[in-house]
N, C-alpha and C. Protein backbone atom coordinates (compact mmCIF):
# COMPACT_ATOMS: atom_id res chain seq x y z
N MET A 1 -155.50 28.20 -91.71
CA MET A 1 -156.35 27.28 -92.44
C MET A 1 -156.89 26.23 -91.49
N ILE A 2 -158.18 25.95 -91.61
CA ILE A 2 -158.82 24.93 -90.79
C ILE A 2 -158.93 23.62 -91.56
N VAL A 3 -159.28 23.73 -92.83
CA VAL A 3 -159.41 22.52 -93.65
C VAL A 3 -159.07 22.85 -95.10
N ARG A 4 -158.43 21.92 -95.76
CA ARG A 4 -158.08 22.05 -97.18
C ARG A 4 -158.87 21.02 -97.97
N LEU A 5 -159.53 21.49 -99.01
CA LEU A 5 -160.31 20.62 -99.89
C LEU A 5 -159.59 20.51 -101.22
N ARG A 6 -159.28 19.31 -101.63
CA ARG A 6 -158.62 19.06 -102.90
C ARG A 6 -159.43 18.05 -103.70
N ALA A 7 -160.38 18.59 -104.44
CA ALA A 7 -161.23 17.81 -105.34
C ALA A 7 -161.93 16.64 -104.68
N PRO A 8 -162.53 16.85 -103.47
CA PRO A 8 -163.30 15.74 -102.91
C PRO A 8 -164.56 15.53 -103.74
N GLU A 9 -164.94 14.29 -103.90
CA GLU A 9 -166.16 13.94 -104.61
C GLU A 9 -166.89 12.88 -103.81
N VAL A 10 -168.19 12.93 -103.86
CA VAL A 10 -169.02 11.87 -103.31
C VAL A 10 -169.95 11.43 -104.43
N GLU A 11 -169.99 10.15 -104.66
CA GLU A 11 -170.87 9.61 -105.70
C GLU A 11 -172.11 9.05 -105.04
N ARG A 12 -173.26 9.54 -105.46
CA ARG A 12 -174.55 9.07 -104.93
C ARG A 12 -175.48 8.78 -106.09
N ALA A 13 -175.98 7.59 -106.12
CA ALA A 13 -176.94 7.18 -107.16
C ALA A 13 -176.38 7.47 -108.56
N GLY A 14 -175.09 7.21 -108.74
CA GLY A 14 -174.47 7.40 -110.05
C GLY A 14 -174.15 8.85 -110.38
N ARG A 15 -174.38 9.76 -109.45
CA ARG A 15 -174.12 11.19 -109.65
C ARG A 15 -172.93 11.63 -108.82
N VAL A 16 -172.05 12.42 -109.38
CA VAL A 16 -170.91 12.97 -108.64
C VAL A 16 -171.31 14.33 -108.08
N LEU A 17 -171.16 14.48 -106.76
CA LEU A 17 -171.50 15.73 -106.09
C LEU A 17 -170.23 16.54 -105.83
N PHE A 18 -170.31 17.83 -106.06
CA PHE A 18 -169.25 18.82 -105.88
C PHE A 18 -167.88 18.39 -106.40
N GLY A 19 -167.83 17.80 -107.58
CA GLY A 19 -166.57 17.42 -108.20
C GLY A 19 -165.73 18.64 -108.56
N GLY A 20 -164.43 18.54 -108.36
CA GLY A 20 -163.51 19.60 -108.75
C GLY A 20 -163.40 20.74 -107.76
N LEU A 21 -164.00 20.62 -106.60
CA LEU A 21 -163.95 21.68 -105.59
C LEU A 21 -162.54 21.80 -105.02
N GLN A 22 -162.00 23.00 -105.03
CA GLN A 22 -160.68 23.28 -104.45
C GLN A 22 -160.85 24.46 -103.51
N ALA A 23 -160.45 24.32 -102.24
CA ALA A 23 -160.59 25.44 -101.31
C ALA A 23 -159.74 25.22 -100.08
N ASP A 24 -159.28 26.32 -99.52
CA ASP A 24 -158.65 26.34 -98.20
C ASP A 24 -159.56 27.18 -97.32
N LEU A 25 -160.17 26.56 -96.32
CA LEU A 25 -161.09 27.28 -95.45
C LEU A 25 -160.38 27.67 -94.17
N GLY A 26 -160.43 28.94 -93.85
CA GLY A 26 -159.83 29.45 -92.63
C GLY A 26 -160.89 29.75 -91.60
N PRO A 27 -160.48 30.35 -90.49
CA PRO A 27 -161.44 30.71 -89.46
C PRO A 27 -162.43 31.73 -89.97
N GLY A 28 -163.58 31.78 -89.36
CA GLY A 28 -164.61 32.74 -89.74
C GLY A 28 -165.88 32.05 -90.18
N LEU A 29 -166.80 32.83 -90.66
CA LEU A 29 -168.07 32.30 -91.12
C LEU A 29 -167.98 31.96 -92.60
N HIS A 30 -168.58 30.85 -92.96
CA HIS A 30 -168.62 30.43 -94.35
C HIS A 30 -170.04 30.00 -94.67
N ALA A 31 -170.44 30.13 -95.89
CA ALA A 31 -171.78 29.72 -96.31
C ALA A 31 -171.66 28.67 -97.40
N VAL A 32 -172.55 27.71 -97.36
CA VAL A 32 -172.65 26.69 -98.41
C VAL A 32 -174.01 26.89 -99.05
N VAL A 33 -174.01 27.29 -100.30
CA VAL A 33 -175.26 27.56 -101.01
C VAL A 33 -175.29 26.78 -102.31
N GLY A 34 -176.49 26.46 -102.75
CA GLY A 34 -176.65 25.76 -104.02
C GLY A 34 -178.07 25.27 -104.18
N ASP A 35 -178.32 24.76 -105.34
CA ASP A 35 -179.65 24.23 -105.65
C ASP A 35 -179.94 23.00 -104.81
N GLU A 36 -181.23 22.70 -104.70
CA GLU A 36 -181.64 21.48 -104.00
C GLU A 36 -181.01 20.27 -104.69
N GLY A 37 -180.43 19.40 -103.88
CA GLY A 37 -179.82 18.19 -104.43
C GLY A 37 -178.42 18.38 -104.96
N SER A 38 -177.82 19.56 -104.74
CA SER A 38 -176.48 19.82 -105.28
C SER A 38 -175.36 19.27 -104.40
N GLY A 39 -175.69 18.83 -103.17
CA GLY A 39 -174.69 18.21 -102.32
C GLY A 39 -174.26 19.04 -101.12
N LYS A 40 -175.02 20.05 -100.75
CA LYS A 40 -174.65 20.91 -99.62
C LYS A 40 -174.54 20.10 -98.33
N SER A 41 -175.56 19.35 -98.00
CA SER A 41 -175.56 18.56 -96.76
C SER A 41 -174.49 17.48 -96.82
N THR A 42 -174.29 16.91 -97.98
CA THR A 42 -173.25 15.89 -98.15
C THR A 42 -171.87 16.50 -97.94
N LEU A 43 -171.64 17.69 -98.47
CA LEU A 43 -170.35 18.37 -98.26
C LEU A 43 -170.12 18.63 -96.78
N LEU A 44 -171.15 19.09 -96.08
CA LEU A 44 -171.00 19.33 -94.64
C LEU A 44 -170.73 18.04 -93.89
N ALA A 45 -171.33 16.94 -94.30
CA ALA A 45 -171.05 15.64 -93.68
C ALA A 45 -169.60 15.23 -93.91
N VAL A 46 -169.07 15.51 -95.10
CA VAL A 46 -167.67 15.22 -95.40
C VAL A 46 -166.76 16.09 -94.53
N LEU A 47 -167.07 17.38 -94.44
CA LEU A 47 -166.26 18.30 -93.62
C LEU A 47 -166.28 17.90 -92.15
N ALA A 48 -167.41 17.37 -91.68
CA ALA A 48 -167.53 16.96 -90.29
C ALA A 48 -166.89 15.60 -90.03
N GLY A 49 -166.45 14.91 -91.09
CA GLY A 49 -165.83 13.60 -90.93
C GLY A 49 -166.82 12.47 -90.77
N ARG A 50 -168.07 12.73 -91.04
CA ARG A 50 -169.11 11.70 -90.91
C ARG A 50 -169.29 10.88 -92.18
N LEU A 51 -168.69 11.36 -93.27
CA LEU A 51 -168.78 10.68 -94.56
C LEU A 51 -167.44 10.83 -95.26
N GLN A 52 -166.94 9.74 -95.80
CA GLN A 52 -165.67 9.76 -96.53
C GLN A 52 -165.94 10.07 -98.00
N PRO A 53 -165.11 10.94 -98.59
CA PRO A 53 -165.29 11.20 -100.03
C PRO A 53 -164.92 9.96 -100.84
N THR A 54 -165.58 9.81 -101.98
CA THR A 54 -165.29 8.71 -102.90
C THR A 54 -163.90 8.90 -103.51
N ARG A 55 -163.56 10.15 -103.84
CA ARG A 55 -162.26 10.53 -104.40
C ARG A 55 -161.85 11.86 -103.79
N GLY A 56 -160.59 12.20 -103.94
CA GLY A 56 -160.10 13.50 -103.49
C GLY A 56 -159.68 13.49 -102.04
N VAL A 57 -159.34 14.67 -101.55
CA VAL A 57 -158.77 14.79 -100.20
C VAL A 57 -159.47 15.91 -99.44
N VAL A 58 -159.80 15.62 -98.19
CA VAL A 58 -160.23 16.62 -97.23
C VAL A 58 -159.23 16.54 -96.09
N GLU A 59 -158.40 17.57 -95.98
CA GLU A 59 -157.29 17.54 -95.04
C GLU A 59 -157.52 18.57 -93.93
N PRO A 60 -157.89 18.09 -92.73
CA PRO A 60 -158.06 19.03 -91.63
C PRO A 60 -156.69 19.50 -91.13
N SER A 61 -156.65 20.71 -90.63
CA SER A 61 -155.42 21.24 -90.04
C SER A 61 -155.08 20.43 -88.80
N LYS A 62 -153.81 20.30 -88.51
CA LYS A 62 -153.39 19.61 -87.30
C LYS A 62 -153.77 20.42 -86.07
N ARG A 63 -154.09 21.70 -86.26
CA ARG A 63 -154.47 22.56 -85.16
C ARG A 63 -155.99 22.70 -85.03
N SER A 64 -156.74 22.01 -85.85
CA SER A 64 -158.20 22.13 -85.80
C SER A 64 -158.74 21.53 -84.51
N VAL A 65 -159.80 22.11 -84.04
CA VAL A 65 -160.48 21.63 -82.84
C VAL A 65 -161.93 21.39 -83.21
N PHE A 66 -162.43 20.22 -82.89
CA PHE A 66 -163.82 19.88 -83.18
C PHE A 66 -164.54 19.58 -81.88
N PHE A 67 -165.75 20.06 -81.75
CA PHE A 67 -166.56 19.86 -80.56
C PHE A 67 -167.80 19.08 -80.93
N GLU A 68 -168.04 17.99 -80.22
CA GLU A 68 -169.27 17.23 -80.41
C GLU A 68 -170.44 17.97 -79.78
N ASP A 69 -170.17 18.62 -78.64
CA ASP A 69 -171.21 19.31 -77.88
C ASP A 69 -171.10 20.81 -78.13
N LEU A 70 -172.05 21.38 -78.84
CA LEU A 70 -171.98 22.80 -79.18
C LEU A 70 -172.27 23.70 -77.99
N THR A 71 -172.58 23.12 -76.82
CA THR A 71 -172.75 23.93 -75.62
C THR A 71 -171.46 23.95 -74.78
N ASP A 72 -170.42 23.30 -75.25
CA ASP A 72 -169.13 23.27 -74.55
C ASP A 72 -168.62 24.71 -74.41
N PRO A 73 -168.34 25.17 -73.19
CA PRO A 73 -167.89 26.56 -73.00
C PRO A 73 -166.58 26.88 -73.71
N ARG A 74 -165.74 25.89 -73.98
CA ARG A 74 -164.48 26.14 -74.69
C ARG A 74 -164.73 26.62 -76.12
N LEU A 75 -165.91 26.30 -76.65
CA LEU A 75 -166.25 26.72 -78.01
C LEU A 75 -166.33 28.24 -78.12
N ASP A 76 -166.76 28.91 -77.04
CA ASP A 76 -166.82 30.37 -77.05
C ASP A 76 -165.46 30.99 -77.35
N ALA A 77 -164.40 30.42 -76.79
CA ALA A 77 -163.05 30.94 -77.02
C ALA A 77 -162.62 30.74 -78.47
N VAL A 78 -163.00 29.63 -79.04
CA VAL A 78 -162.66 29.35 -80.44
C VAL A 78 -163.39 30.33 -81.35
N ILE A 79 -164.66 30.56 -81.09
CA ILE A 79 -165.45 31.49 -81.89
C ILE A 79 -164.90 32.91 -81.75
N ALA A 80 -164.57 33.31 -80.53
CA ALA A 80 -164.03 34.66 -80.29
C ALA A 80 -162.72 34.85 -81.04
N GLU A 81 -161.88 33.83 -81.08
CA GLU A 81 -160.60 33.92 -81.78
C GLU A 81 -160.81 34.07 -83.29
N ALA A 82 -161.86 33.42 -83.81
CA ALA A 82 -162.14 33.49 -85.24
C ALA A 82 -162.59 34.88 -85.67
N TRP A 83 -163.22 35.61 -84.76
CA TRP A 83 -163.72 36.94 -85.08
C TRP A 83 -162.59 37.91 -84.98
């Protein structure tokens, strides 16, 4: 598991985005799909740690590795391991 989502919510303009979401995300490819304005970009900002949820928990694994620079050669090894 890379990250565990336990009902994170972000409130924007009086609207709750992605309320009630429960998921354990592991290595591999994942897709975030939804209607315009449903909170896809906001969810990715929460997962990246750039935005704190209003409620709920986003718990990264203690073994997670995050790269600011996507050209970092160490990222190739992480991607290869996920496949």
